[in-house]
Amino acid sequence: MSSFQKDMIISKNLYEQITNRRLINPKFSLEVAEKRKRREGFVGTSSINIVAADHPARGSLKAGDDALAMADRHELLGRLMQILQSDWVDGVLGSMDILEELLILHGLKSEAGEGFLDNKLLIASLNRGGLPGSAWELDDPITGPNASTCVQYGLDAVKMLLRVHMDDGHSLKTIRYCADGIRDMNTIDRPIFIEPLPVVPTENGYRVDADPEKLIQLMSVCSALGDSSRNVWLKIPYTESFDRVVASTTLPIVILGGGASRSKEEFLDNIRRAMDTGRQVRGTMIGRNMLYPTDCGPLEMAEAIGKVVRSNNDTAS
């Protein structure tokens, strides 16, 4: 798909050591997590730039024209590690396997004084069971960690996806899963990102319906889930009438990226407009558009996004 040189970031030997550590010491990632220096506080009044890499856990491996782009784990980890070494990136969203692989790499690099996860936010993806194209696609149970695991690994936050189609009864089950997830995380006071997405069926599964009124309605539902909204963030797409969307909540918002298809400048312009809409918008949580950009490298895109996001910090209140 690209000319990205994965061996320049993670050598073949270093990559093979991930499996070796899994075999020799299965608890290595946990031991590294216990020693990792965590950020004091989560975000405060600043804005955050998070790289998202939880797609493979749902079997979603496509980026651009390559149907299996994210299946090359060596390259995916190389892109993530390069991005996470930047001061313009605040952390990573991933399933536990990816977070554990990054922790193993952090531990191995720390032995040479080159650890890269200290003071970064580690965010776990909770519900990955609603596989695209499956008969149960909108029945999306929590298949990831619980509150106890988050404490054990020193994770900083979690994220859940809530796709809703009013004619599919599976959506109600997912609403309940998300409410349970909020209650669970509130017991340890971890931030939880909810990604509310209205969807419509197509021949190839469900696609996002970015109609502002539908998004506002679902955001309102998400705000009231669980026993308290005190730790809830919303992860939403930039849409038309975005000022109305933002005005529908006081919860902090991060902007998602969607599939990698737009040019760098067009993508950055959308983020800039989103960040300028209202102080509820507190950053980005971008996946393929950061990891597999169409017209630049992942580090260049990650830092460009970070500079747009951080430029709003001066006016934070």
C-alpha atoms as a PDB file:
ATOM      1  CA  MET A   1       0.000   0.000   0.000  1.00  0.00           C
ATOM      2  CA  SER A   2       2.820   2.388   0.804  1.00  0.00           C
ATOM      3  CA  SER A   3       6.575   2.845   0.929  1.00  0.00           C
ATOM      4  CA  PHE A   4       6.582   2.905   4.742  1.00  0.00           C
ATOM      5  CA  GLN A   5       9.759   1.221   5.967  1.00  0.00           C
ATOM      6  CA  LYS A   6       8.613  -0.768   8.980  1.00  0.00           C
ATOM      7  CA  ASP A   7      12.103  -2.169   9.621  1.00  0.00           C
ATOM      8  CA  MET A   8      13.394   1.381  10.080  1.00  0.00           C
ATOM      9  CA  ILE A   9      11.134   1.786  13.117  1.00  0.00           C
ATOM     10  CA  ILE A  10      10.945  -1.776  14.451  1.00  0.00           C
ATOM     11  CA  SER A  11      13.758  -4.039  13.285  1.00  0.00           C
ATOM     12  CA  LYS A  12      12.974  -7.631  12.365  1.00  0.00           C
ATOM     13  CA  ASN A  13      14.840  -8.754  15.483  1.00  0.00           C
ATOM     14  CA  LEU A  14      12.890  -6.407  17.757  1.00  0.00           C
ATOM     15  CA  TYR A  15       9.595  -7.478  16.204  1.00  0.00           C
ATOM     16  CA  GLU A  16      10.439 -11.152  16.759  1.00  0.00           C
ATOM     17  CA  GLN A  17      11.202 -10.405  20.398  1.00  0.00           C
ATOM     18  CA  ILE A  18       7.518  -9.570  20.966  1.00  0.00           C
ATOM     19  CA  THR A  19       6.603 -13.218  20.385  1.00  0.00           C
ATOM     20  CA  ASN A  20       9.629 -14.388  22.362  1.00  0.00           C
ATOM     21  CA  ARG A  21       8.553 -12.347  25.394  1.00  0.00           C
ATOM     22  CA  ARG A  22       5.000 -13.678  25.079  1.00  0.00           C
ATOM     23  CA  LEU A  23       6.417 -17.210  25.270  1.00  0.00           C
ATOM     24  CA  ILE A  24       9.124 -16.737  27.900  1.00  0.00           C
ATOM     25  CA  ASN A  25       7.261 -14.340  30.181  1.00  0.00           C
ATOM     26  CA  PRO A  26       3.531 -13.994  29.407  1.00  0.00           C
ATOM     27  CA  LYS A  27       3.257 -11.366  32.153  1.00  0.00           C
ATOM     28  CA  PHE A  28       5.918  -9.106  30.631  1.00  0.00           C
ATOM     29  CA  SER A  29       3.401  -6.578  29.277  1.00  0.00           C
ATOM     30  CA  LEU A  30       1.714  -6.401  32.682  1.00  0.00           C
ATOM     31  CA  GLU A  31       5.064  -5.908  34.424  1.00  0.00           C
ATOM     32  CA  VAL A  32       5.889  -3.086  32.010  1.00  0.00           C
ATOM     33  CA  ALA A  33       2.469  -1.528  32.555  1.00  0.00           C
ATOM     34  CA  GLU A  34       3.001  -1.493  36.313  1.00  0.00           C
ATOM     35  CA  LYS A  35       6.265   0.440  35.873  1.00  0.00           C
ATOM     36  CA  ARG A  36       5.080   2.807  33.130  1.00  0.00           C
ATOM     37  CA  LYS A  37       4.975   6.473  34.116  1.00  0.00           C
ATOM     38  CA  ARG A  38       1.393   7.643  33.746  1.00  0.00           C
ATOM     39  CA  ARG A  39       0.278  11.167  32.987  1.00  0.00           C
ATOM     40  CA  GLU A  40      -0.879  13.204  35.967  1.00  0.00           C
ATOM     41  CA  GLY A  41      -4.563  13.827  35.354  1.00  0.00           C
ATOM     42  CA  PHE A  42      -6.230  12.988  32.080  1.00  0.00           C
ATOM     43  CA  VAL A  43      -6.506  16.191  30.091  1.00  0.00           C
ATOM     44  CA  GLY A  44      -7.612  19.161  32.178  1.00  0.00           C
ATOM     45  CA  THR A  45      -8.439  22.127  29.962  1.00  0.00           C
ATOM     46  CA  SER A  46      -6.100  21.074  27.158  1.00  0.00           C
ATOM     47  CA  SER A  47      -7.001  19.279  23.935  1.00  0.00           C
ATOM     48  CA  ILE A  48      -5.864  15.770  23.021  1.00  0.00           C
ATOM     49  CA  ASN A  49      -4.653  14.050  19.868  1.00  0.00           C
ATOM     50  CA  ILE A  50      -5.170  10.269  20.001  1.00  0.00           C
ATOM     51  CA  VAL A  51      -4.263   7.687  17.359  1.00  0.00           C
ATOM     52  CA  ALA A  52      -6.916   4.956  17.028  1.00  0.00           C
ATOM     53  CA  ALA A  53      -5.917   1.373  16.170  1.00  0.00           C
ATOM     54  CA  ASP A  54      -8.736  -0.852  17.398  1.00  0.00           C
ATOM     55  CA  HIS A  55      -9.998  -1.757  13.904  1.00  0.00           C
ATOM     56  CA  PRO A  56      -8.354  -5.229  13.569  1.00  0.00           C
ATOM     57  CA  ALA A  57     -10.188  -6.537  16.648  1.00  0.00           C
ATOM     58  CA  ARG A  58     -13.430  -6.081  14.704  1.00  0.00           C
ATOM     59  CA  GLY A  59     -11.956  -7.696  11.597  1.00  0.00           C
ATOM     60  CA  SER A  60     -11.857  -4.304   9.841  1.00  0.00           C
ATOM     61  CA  LEU A  61      -8.481  -4.397   8.114  1.00  0.00           C
ATOM     62  CA  LYS A  62      -8.969  -2.173   5.063  1.00  0.00           C
ATOM     63  CA  ALA A  63      -7.195   1.141   4.578  1.00  0.00           C
ATOM     64  CA  GLY A  64      -7.430   2.939   1.264  1.00  0.00           C
ATOM     65  CA  ASP A  65      -7.498   0.392  -1.570  1.00  0.00           C
ATOM     66  CA  ASP A  66      -5.756  -2.333   0.419  1.00  0.00           C
ATOM     67  CA  ALA A  67      -8.280  -4.737   1.945  1.00  0.00           C
ATOM     68  CA  LEU A  68      -5.687  -6.168   4.355  1.00  0.00           C
ATOM     69  CA  ALA A  69      -3.558  -3.102   5.105  1.00  0.00           C
ATOM     70  CA  MET A  70      -3.964  -3.341   8.873  1.00  0.00           C
ATOM     71  CA  ALA A  71      -3.336  -7.101   8.878  1.00  0.00           C
ATOM     72  CA  ASP A  72       0.432  -6.570   8.636  1.00  0.00           C
ATOM     73  CA  ARG A  73       1.043  -6.330  12.386  1.00  0.00           C
ATOM     74  CA  HIS A  74       4.733  -5.455  11.996  1.00  0.00           C
ATOM     75  CA  GLU A  75       3.841  -2.453   9.840  1.00  0.00           C
ATOM     76  CA  LEU A  76       0.898  -1.411  12.005  1.00  0.00           C
ATOM     77  CA  LEU A  77       3.043  -1.453  15.138  1.00  0.00           C
ATOM     78  CA  GLY A  78       5.782   0.423  13.289  1.00  0.00           C
ATOM     79  CA  ARG A  79       3.378   3.165  12.301  1.00  0.00           C
ATOM     80  CA  LEU A  80       2.007   3.351  15.838  1.00  0.00           C
ATOM     81  CA  MET A  81       5.428   3.438  17.463  1.00  0.00           C
ATOM     82  CA  GLN A  82       6.635   6.183  15.114  1.00  0.00           C
ATOM     83  CA  ILE A  83       3.548   8.273  15.835  1.00  0.00           C
ATOM     84  CA  LEU A  84       3.665   7.722  19.603  1.00  0.00           C
ATOM     85  CA  GLN A  85       7.234   8.978  19.858  1.00  0.00           C
ATOM     86  CA  SER A  86       5.984  12.429  18.837  1.00  0.00           C
ATOM     87  CA  ASP A  87       5.259  15.089  21.446  1.00  0.00           C
ATOM     88  CA  TRP A  88       2.291  16.152  19.280  1.00  0.00           C
ATOM     89  CA  VAL A  89       0.467  12.875  20.012  1.00  0.00           C
ATOM     90  CA  ASP A  90      -1.098  12.236  23.416  1.00  0.00           C
ATOM     91  CA  GLY A  91      -1.870   8.539  23.272  1.00  0.00           C
ATOM     92  CA  VAL A  92      -3.366   5.512  21.580  1.00  0.00           C
ATOM     93  CA  LEU A  93      -6.706   3.704  21.425  1.00  0.00           C
ATOM     94  CA  GLY A  94      -6.459  -0.039  20.868  1.00  0.00           C
ATOM     95  CA  SER A  95      -7.703  -3.480  21.762  1.00  0.00           C
ATOM     96  CA  MET A  96      -5.800  -5.237  24.540  1.00  0.00           C
ATOM     97  CA  ASP A  97      -3.594  -7.275  22.188  1.00  0.00           C
ATOM     98  CA  ILE A  98      -2.294  -4.127  20.502  1.00  0.00           C
ATOM     99  CA  LEU A  99      -1.857  -2.271  23.795  1.00  0.00           C
ATOM    100  CA  GLU A 100       0.054  -5.258  25.177  1.00  0.00           C
ATOM    101  CA  GLU A 101       2.300  -5.390  22.088  1.00  0.00           C
ATOM    102  CA  LEU A 102       3.056  -1.705  22.470  1.00  0.00           C
ATOM    103  CA  LEU A 103       3.800  -2.243  26.155  1.00  0.00           C
ATOM    104  CA  ILE A 104       6.193  -5.076  25.284  1.00  0.00           C
ATOM    105  CA  LEU A 105       7.943  -2.809  22.778  1.00  0.00           C
ATOM    106  CA  HIS A 106       8.052  -0.017  25.359  1.00  0.00           C
ATOM    107  CA  GLY A 107       9.642  -2.402  27.854  1.00  0.00           C
ATOM    108  CA  LEU A 108      12.221  -3.634  25.355  1.00  0.00           C
ATOM    109  CA  LYS A 109      13.057  -0.087  24.243  1.00  0.00           C
ATOM    110  CA  SER A 110      13.204   1.117  27.848  1.00  0.00           C
ATOM    111  CA  GLU A 111      16.114  -1.238  28.427  1.00  0.00           C
ATOM    112  CA  ALA A 112      18.015   1.017  25.998  1.00  0.00           C
ATOM    113  CA  GLY A 113      16.531   4.207  27.451  1.00  0.00           C
ATOM    114  CA  GLU A 114      14.137   4.644  24.516  1.00  0.00           C
ATOM    115  CA  GLY A 115      10.716   3.911  25.998  1.00  0.00           C
ATOM    116  CA  PHE A 116       7.909   5.776  24.247  1.00  0.00           C
ATOM    117  CA  LEU A 117       4.735   5.227  26.312  1.00  0.00           C
ATOM    118  CA  ASP A 118       5.583   7.214  29.433  1.00  0.00           C
ATOM    119  CA  ASN A 119       3.052  10.038  29.956  1.00  0.00           C
ATOM    120  CA  LYS A 120       0.991   8.788  26.998  1.00  0.00           C
ATOM    121  CA  LEU A 121      -2.703   7.953  27.357  1.00  0.00           C
ATOM    122  CA  LEU A 122      -3.514   4.260  26.878  1.00  0.00           C
ATOM    123  CA  ILE A 123      -7.178   3.789  25.968  1.00  0.00           C
ATOM    124  CA  ALA A 124      -8.784   0.361  25.668  1.00  0.00           C
ATOM    125  CA  SER A 125     -11.531  -0.477  23.172  1.00  0.00           C
ATOM    126  CA  LEU A 126     -14.299  -2.412  24.928  1.00  0.00           C
ATOM    127  CA  ASN A 127     -16.867  -3.676  22.431  1.00  0.00           C
ATOM    128  CA  ARG A 128     -15.571  -5.256  19.243  1.00  0.00           C
ATOM    129  CA  GLY A 129     -18.107  -8.088  18.829  1.00  0.00           C
ATOM    130  CA  GLY A 130     -20.375  -6.476  16.213  1.00  0.00           C
ATOM    131  CA  LEU A 131     -18.477  -7.845  13.224  1.00  0.00           C
ATOM    132  CA  PRO A 132     -19.137  -6.056   9.909  1.00  0.00           C
ATOM    133  CA  GLY A 133     -21.337  -8.119   7.615  1.00  0.00           C
ATOM    134  CA  SER A 134     -22.432 -10.509  10.355  1.00  0.00           C
ATOM    135  CA  ALA A 135     -26.059 -11.382  11.107  1.00  0.00           C
ATOM    136  CA  TRP A 136     -25.595  -9.813  14.569  1.00  0.00           C
ATOM    137  CA  GLU A 137     -23.644  -6.721  13.439  1.00  0.00           C
ATOM    138  CA  LEU A 138     -25.540  -4.220  15.595  1.00  0.00           C
ATOM    139  CA  ASP A 139     -25.500  -6.544  18.611  1.00  0.00           C
ATOM    140  CA  ASP A 140     -22.110  -5.318  19.826  1.00  0.00           C
ATOM    141  CA  PRO A 141     -21.206  -6.847  23.201  1.00  0.00           C
ATOM    142  CA  ILE A 142     -18.269  -5.898  25.390  1.00  0.00           C
ATOM    143  CA  THR A 143     -15.493  -8.289  24.389  1.00  0.00           C
ATOM    144  CA  GLY A 144     -12.612  -6.323  25.898  1.00  0.00           C
ATOM    145  CA  PRO A 145     -11.360  -5.539  29.422  1.00  0.00           C
ATOM    146  CA  ASN A 146     -13.399  -4.688  32.504  1.00  0.00           C
ATOM    147  CA  ALA A 147     -12.686  -2.106  35.201  1.00  0.00           C
ATOM    148  CA  SER A 148     -10.434  -4.468  37.145  1.00  0.00           C
ATOM    149  CA  THR A 149      -8.178  -5.051  34.130  1.00  0.00           C
ATOM    150  CA  CYS A 150      -7.963  -1.318  33.466  1.00  0.00           C
ATOM    151  CA  VAL A 151      -6.664  -0.758  36.993  1.00  0.00           C
ATOM    152  CA  GLN A 152      -4.270  -3.701  36.711  1.00  0.00           C
ATOM    153  CA  TYR A 153      -2.709  -2.377  33.489  1.00  0.00           C
ATOM    154  CA  GLY A 154      -2.839   1.281  34.458  1.00  0.00           C
ATOM    155  CA  LEU A 155      -5.050   2.131  31.494  1.00  0.00           C
ATOM    156  CA  ASP A 156      -6.165   5.732  31.328  1.00  0.00           C
ATOM    157  CA  ALA A 157      -9.572   5.463  29.642  1.00  0.00           C
ATOM    158  CA  VAL A 158     -11.831   3.231  27.559  1.00  0.00           C
ATOM    159  CA  LYS A 159     -14.009   3.570  24.448  1.00  0.00           C
ATOM    160  CA  MET A 160     -17.232   1.977  23.202  1.00  0.00           C
ATOM    161  CA  LEU A 161     -18.969   2.115  19.836  1.00  0.00           C
ATOM    162  CA  LEU A 162     -22.755   2.549  19.706  1.00  0.00           C
ATOM    163  CA  ARG A 163     -24.237   2.096  16.239  1.00  0.00           C
ATOM    164  CA  VAL A 164     -28.017   2.447  16.075  1.00  0.00           C
ATOM    165  CA  HIS A 165     -30.585   1.677  13.397  1.00  0.00           C
ATOM    166  CA  MET A 166     -34.148   2.109  14.565  1.00  0.00           C
ATOM    167  CA  ASP A 167     -35.437  -0.909  12.623  1.00  0.00           C
ATOM    168  CA  ASP A 168     -32.877  -3.326  14.071  1.00  0.00           C
ATOM    169  CA  GLY A 169     -33.612  -4.654  17.546  1.00  0.00           C
ATOM    170  CA  HIS A 170     -29.953  -5.540  18.086  1.00  0.00           C
ATOM    171  CA  SER A 171     -29.264  -1.854  18.711  1.00  0.00           C
ATOM    172  CA  LEU A 172     -31.162  -1.948  21.999  1.00  0.00           C
ATOM    173  CA  LYS A 173     -28.813  -4.662  23.272  1.00  0.00           C
ATOM    174  CA  THR A 174     -25.810  -2.484  22.458  1.00  0.00           C
ATOM    175  CA  ILE A 175     -27.371   0.485  24.249  1.00  0.00           C
ATOM    176  CA  ARG A 176     -27.608  -1.725  27.331  1.00  0.00           C
ATOM    177  CA  TYR A 177     -24.006  -2.910  26.953  1.00  0.00           C
ATOM    178  CA  CYS A 178     -22.835   0.696  26.800  1.00  0.00           C
ATOM    179  CA  ALA A 179     -24.854   1.615  29.890  1.00  0.00           C
ATOM    180  CA  ASP A 180     -23.265  -1.307  31.748  1.00  0.00           C
ATOM    181  CA  GLY A 181     -19.813  -0.244  30.542  1.00  0.00           C
ATOM    182  CA  ILE A 182     -20.319   3.265  31.883  1.00  0.00           C
ATOM    183  CA  ARG A 183     -21.434   1.940  35.269  1.00  0.00           C
ATOM    184  CA  ASP A 184     -18.399  -0.369  35.401  1.00  0.00           C
ATOM    185  CA  MET A 185     -15.892   2.358  34.558  1.00  0.00           C
ATOM    186  CA  ASN A 186     -17.492   4.829  36.936  1.00  0.00           C
ATOM    187  CA  THR A 187     -16.514   2.489  39.779  1.00  0.00           C
ATOM    188  CA  ILE A 188     -12.869   3.331  39.049  1.00  0.00           C
ATOM    189  CA  ASP A 189     -13.508   6.857  37.673  1.00  0.00           C
ATOM    190  CA  ARG A 190     -11.970   6.251  34.262  1.00  0.00           C
ATOM    191  CA  PRO A 191     -13.026   8.432  31.318  1.00  0.00           C
ATOM    192  CA  ILE A 192     -15.146   6.552  28.804  1.00  0.00           C
ATOM    193  CA  PHE A 193     -15.506   7.615  25.183  1.00  0.00           C
ATOM    194  CA  ILE A 194     -18.830   6.727  23.565  1.00  0.00           C
ATOM    195  CA  GLU A 195     -18.984   6.786  19.764  1.00  0.00           C
ATOM    196  CA  PRO A 196     -22.670   7.309  18.834  1.00  0.00           C
ATOM    197  CA  LEU A 197     -23.249   6.591  15.156  1.00  0.00           C
ATOM    198  CA  PRO A 198     -26.629   6.458  13.418  1.00  0.00           C
ATOM    199  CA  VAL A 199     -26.361   3.881  10.622  1.00  0.00           C
ATOM    200  CA  VAL A 200     -28.363   2.651   7.647  1.00  0.00           C
ATOM    201  CA  PRO A 201     -28.233  -0.795   5.987  1.00  0.00           C
ATOM    202  CA  THR A 202     -26.607  -1.256   2.576  1.00  0.00           C
ATOM    203  CA  GLU A 203     -25.746  -4.272   0.426  1.00  0.00           C
ATOM    204  CA  ASN A 204     -22.305  -4.301   2.092  1.00  0.00           C
ATOM    205  CA  GLY A 205     -23.422  -3.887   5.701  1.00  0.00           C
ATOM    206  CA  TYR A 206     -24.187  -0.733   7.624  1.00  0.00           C
ATOM    207  CA  ARG A 207     -22.834   2.703   6.816  1.00  0.00           C
ATOM    208  CA  VAL A 208     -22.814   5.826   8.962  1.00  0.00           C
ATOM    209  CA  ASP A 209     -25.712   8.225   8.449  1.00  0.00           C
ATOM    210  CA  ALA A 210     -24.194  11.626   9.220  1.00  0.00           C
ATOM    211  CA  ASP A 211     -27.537  13.430   9.302  1.00  0.00           C
ATOM    212  CA  PRO A 212     -27.097  16.092  12.028  1.00  0.00           C
ATOM    213  CA  GLU A 213     -30.572  15.594  13.510  1.00  0.00           C
ATOM    214  CA  LYS A 214     -30.056  11.837  13.901  1.00  0.00           C
ATOM    215  CA  LEU A 215     -26.610  12.398  15.409  1.00  0.00           C
ATOM    216  CA  ILE A 216     -27.983  14.951  17.878  1.00  0.00           C
ATOM    217  CA  GLN A 217     -30.728  12.549  18.918  1.00  0.00           C
ATOM    218  CA  LEU A 218     -28.281   9.704  19.546  1.00  0.00           C
ATOM    219  CA  MET A 219     -25.841  11.972  21.382  1.00  0.00           C
ATOM    220  CA  SER A 220     -28.688  12.950  23.713  1.00  0.00           C
ATOM    221  CA  VAL A 221     -29.364   9.270  24.407  1.00  0.00           C
ATOM    222  CA  CYS A 222     -25.684   8.589  25.139  1.00  0.00           C
ATOM    223  CA  SER A 223     -25.458  11.506  27.553  1.00  0.00           C
ATOM    224  CA  ALA A 224     -28.069   9.861  29.782  1.00  0.00           C
ATOM    225  CA  LEU A 225     -26.684   6.301  29.813  1.00  0.00           C
ATOM    226  CA  GLY A 226     -25.462   4.615  32.985  1.00  0.00           C
ATOM    227  CA  ASP A 227     -25.432   5.835  36.557  1.00  0.00           C
ATOM    228  CA  SER A 228     -23.611   9.132  35.873  1.00  0.00           C
ATOM    229  CA  SER A 229     -22.294  11.141  32.929  1.00  0.00           C
ATOM    230  CA  ARG A 230     -19.381  12.532  34.935  1.00  0.00           C
ATOM    231  CA  ASN A 231     -16.739  10.527  33.035  1.00  0.00           C
ATOM    232  CA  VAL A 232     -18.378  10.391  29.606  1.00  0.00           C
ATOM    233  CA  TRP A 233     -16.879  11.841  26.423  1.00  0.00           C
ATOM    234  CA  LEU A 234     -18.413  11.674  22.950  1.00  0.00           C
ATOM    235  CA  LYS A 235     -16.533  10.631  19.817  1.00  0.00           C
ATOM    236  CA  ILE A 236     -18.349  11.898  16.728  1.00  0.00           C
ATOM    237  CA  PRO A 237     -17.805  12.704  13.037  1.00  0.00           C
ATOM    238  CA  TYR A 238     -17.585  16.221  11.695  1.00  0.00           C
ATOM    239  CA  THR A 239     -20.871  16.870   9.872  1.00  0.00           C
ATOM    240  CA  GLU A 240     -22.965  19.603   8.338  1.00  0.00           C
ATOM    241  CA  SER A 241     -24.558  21.987  10.855  1.00  0.00           C
ATOM    242  CA  PHE A 242     -21.846  21.030  13.294  1.00  0.00           C
ATOM    243  CA  ASP A 243     -22.540  24.037  15.472  1.00  0.00           C
ATOM    244  CA  ARG A 244     -26.013  22.595  16.198  1.00  0.00           C
ATOM    245  CA  VAL A 245     -24.483  19.196  16.917  1.00  0.00           C
ATOM    246  CA  VAL A 246     -22.007  20.624  19.424  1.00  0.00           C
ATOM    247  CA  ALA A 247     -24.670  22.811  21.030  1.00  0.00           C
ATOM    248  CA  SER A 248     -26.669  19.710  21.966  1.00  0.00           C
ATOM    249  CA  THR A 249     -24.296  18.658  24.780  1.00  0.00           C
ATOM    250  CA  THR A 250     -21.965  19.890  27.506  1.00  0.00           C
ATOM    251  CA  LEU A 251     -19.965  16.650  27.374  1.00  0.00           C
ATOM    252  CA  PRO A 252     -16.431  16.906  25.978  1.00  0.00           C
ATOM    253  CA  ILE A 253     -16.120  15.815  22.341  1.00  0.00           C
ATOM    254  CA  VAL A 254     -13.366  14.307  20.193  1.00  0.00           C
ATOM    255  CA  ILE A 255     -13.566  14.123  16.407  1.00  0.00           C
ATOM    256  CA  LEU A 256     -13.220  10.772  14.640  1.00  0.00           C
ATOM    257  CA  GLY A 257     -11.536  10.318  11.286  1.00  0.00           C
ATOM    258  CA  GLY A 258     -13.346   7.646   9.261  1.00  0.00           C
ATOM    259  CA  GLY A 259     -11.763   5.827   6.331  1.00  0.00           C
ATOM    260  CA  ALA A 260      -8.536   7.090   4.782  1.00  0.00           C
ATOM    261  CA  SER A 261      -9.623   8.729   1.542  1.00  0.00           C
ATOM    262  CA  ARG A 262      -9.253  12.497   1.810  1.00  0.00           C
ATOM    263  CA  SER A 263      -6.186  14.640   1.120  1.00  0.00           C
ATOM    264  CA  LYS A 264      -4.141  15.921   4.020  1.00  0.00           C
ATOM    265  CA  GLU A 265      -5.239  19.532   3.591  1.00  0.00           C
ATOM    266  CA  GLU A 266      -8.927  18.701   3.200  1.00  0.00           C
ATOM    267  CA  PHE A 267      -8.790  16.511   6.291  1.00  0.00           C
ATOM    268  CA  LEU A 268      -6.982  19.148   8.356  1.00  0.00           C
ATOM    269  CA  ASP A 269      -9.475  21.799   7.260  1.00  0.00           C
ATOM    270  CA  ASN A 270     -12.343  19.671   8.594  1.00  0.00           C
ATOM    271  CA  ILE A 271     -10.572  19.221  11.929  1.00  0.00           C
ATOM    272  CA  ARG A 272      -9.837  22.943  12.120  1.00  0.00           C
ATOM    273  CA  ARG A 273     -13.486  23.802  11.498  1.00  0.00           C
ATOM    274  CA  ALA A 274     -14.602  21.244  14.082  1.00  0.00           C
ATOM    275  CA  MET A 275     -12.184  22.558  16.712  1.00  0.00           C
ATOM    276  CA  ASP A 276     -13.388  26.107  16.123  1.00  0.00           C
ATOM    277  CA  THR A 277     -17.048  25.222  16.637  1.00  0.00           C
ATOM    278  CA  GLY A 278     -17.244  25.221  20.429  1.00  0.00           C
ATOM    279  CA  ARG A 279     -15.277  24.564  23.587  1.00  0.00           C
ATOM    280  CA  GLN A 280     -16.963  21.190  23.966  1.00  0.00           C
ATOM    281  CA  VAL A 281     -14.666  19.984  21.158  1.00  0.00           C
ATOM    282  CA  ARG A 282     -11.503  18.868  22.955  1.00  0.00           C
ATOM    283  CA  GLY A 283      -9.487  17.001  20.376  1.00  0.00           C
ATOM    284  CA  THR A 284      -9.308  14.129  17.940  1.00  0.00           C
ATOM    285  CA  MET A 285      -9.274  10.343  17.940  1.00  0.00           C
ATOM    286  CA  ILE A 286      -8.115   9.468  14.424  1.00  0.00           C
ATOM    287  CA  GLY A 287      -7.376   6.035  12.976  1.00  0.00           C
ATOM    288  CA  ARG A 288      -6.722   5.260   9.325  1.00  0.00           C
ATOM    289  CA  ASN A 289      -6.470   8.887   8.206  1.00  0.00           C
ATOM    290  CA  MET A 290      -3.521   9.225  10.586  1.00  0.00           C
ATOM    291  CA  LEU A 291      -2.013   5.758  10.259  1.00  0.00           C
ATOM    292  CA  TYR A 292      -2.428   5.345   6.491  1.00  0.00           C
ATOM    293  CA  PRO A 293      -2.726   8.846   4.967  1.00  0.00           C
ATOM    294  CA  THR A 294      -2.963   9.107   1.203  1.00  0.00           C
ATOM    295  CA  ASP A 295      -0.454  11.865   0.476  1.00  0.00           C
ATOM    296  CA  CYS A 296       2.099  11.929   3.308  1.00  0.00           C
ATOM    297  CA  GLY A 297       3.653   9.748   5.989  1.00  0.00           C
ATOM    298  CA  PRO A 298       1.917   8.806   9.272  1.00  0.00           C
ATOM    299  CA  LEU A 299       4.217  10.921  11.453  1.00  0.00           C
ATOM    300  CA  GLU A 300       3.735  13.982   9.267  1.00  0.00           C
ATOM    301  CA  MET A 301      -0.038  13.598   9.404  1.00  0.00           C
ATOM    302  CA  ALA A 302      -0.062  12.902  13.159  1.00  0.00           C
ATOM    303  CA  GLU A 303       1.966  16.017  13.927  1.00  0.00           C
ATOM    304  CA  ALA A 304      -0.092  18.178  11.571  1.00  0.00           C
ATOM    305  CA  ILE A 305      -3.263  17.064  13.349  1.00  0.00           C
ATOM    306  CA  GLY A 306      -1.633  17.665  16.728  1.00  0.00           C
ATOM    307  CA  LYS A 307      -0.693  21.219  15.782  1.00  0.00           C
ATOM    308  CA  VAL A 308      -4.273  21.997  14.740  1.00  0.00           C
ATOM    309  CA  VAL A 309      -5.616  20.486  17.955  1.00  0.00           C
ATOM    310  CA  ARG A 310      -3.120  22.208  20.252  1.00  0.00           C
ATOM    311  CA  SER A 311      -3.653  25.595  18.596  1.00  0.00           C
ATOM    312  CA  ASN A 312      -6.996  25.727  20.403  1.00  0.00           C
ATOM    313  CA  ASN A 313      -5.434  25.359  23.835  1.00  0.00           C
ATOM    314  CA  ASP A 314      -4.715  29.077  24.054  1.00  0.00           C
ATOM    315  CA  THR A 315      -8.429  29.812  24.245  1.00  0.00           C
ATOM    316  CA  ALA A 316      -9.348  26.946  26.572  1.00  0.00           C
ATOM    317  CA  SER A 317     -11.352  27.905  29.611  1.00  0.00           C
END
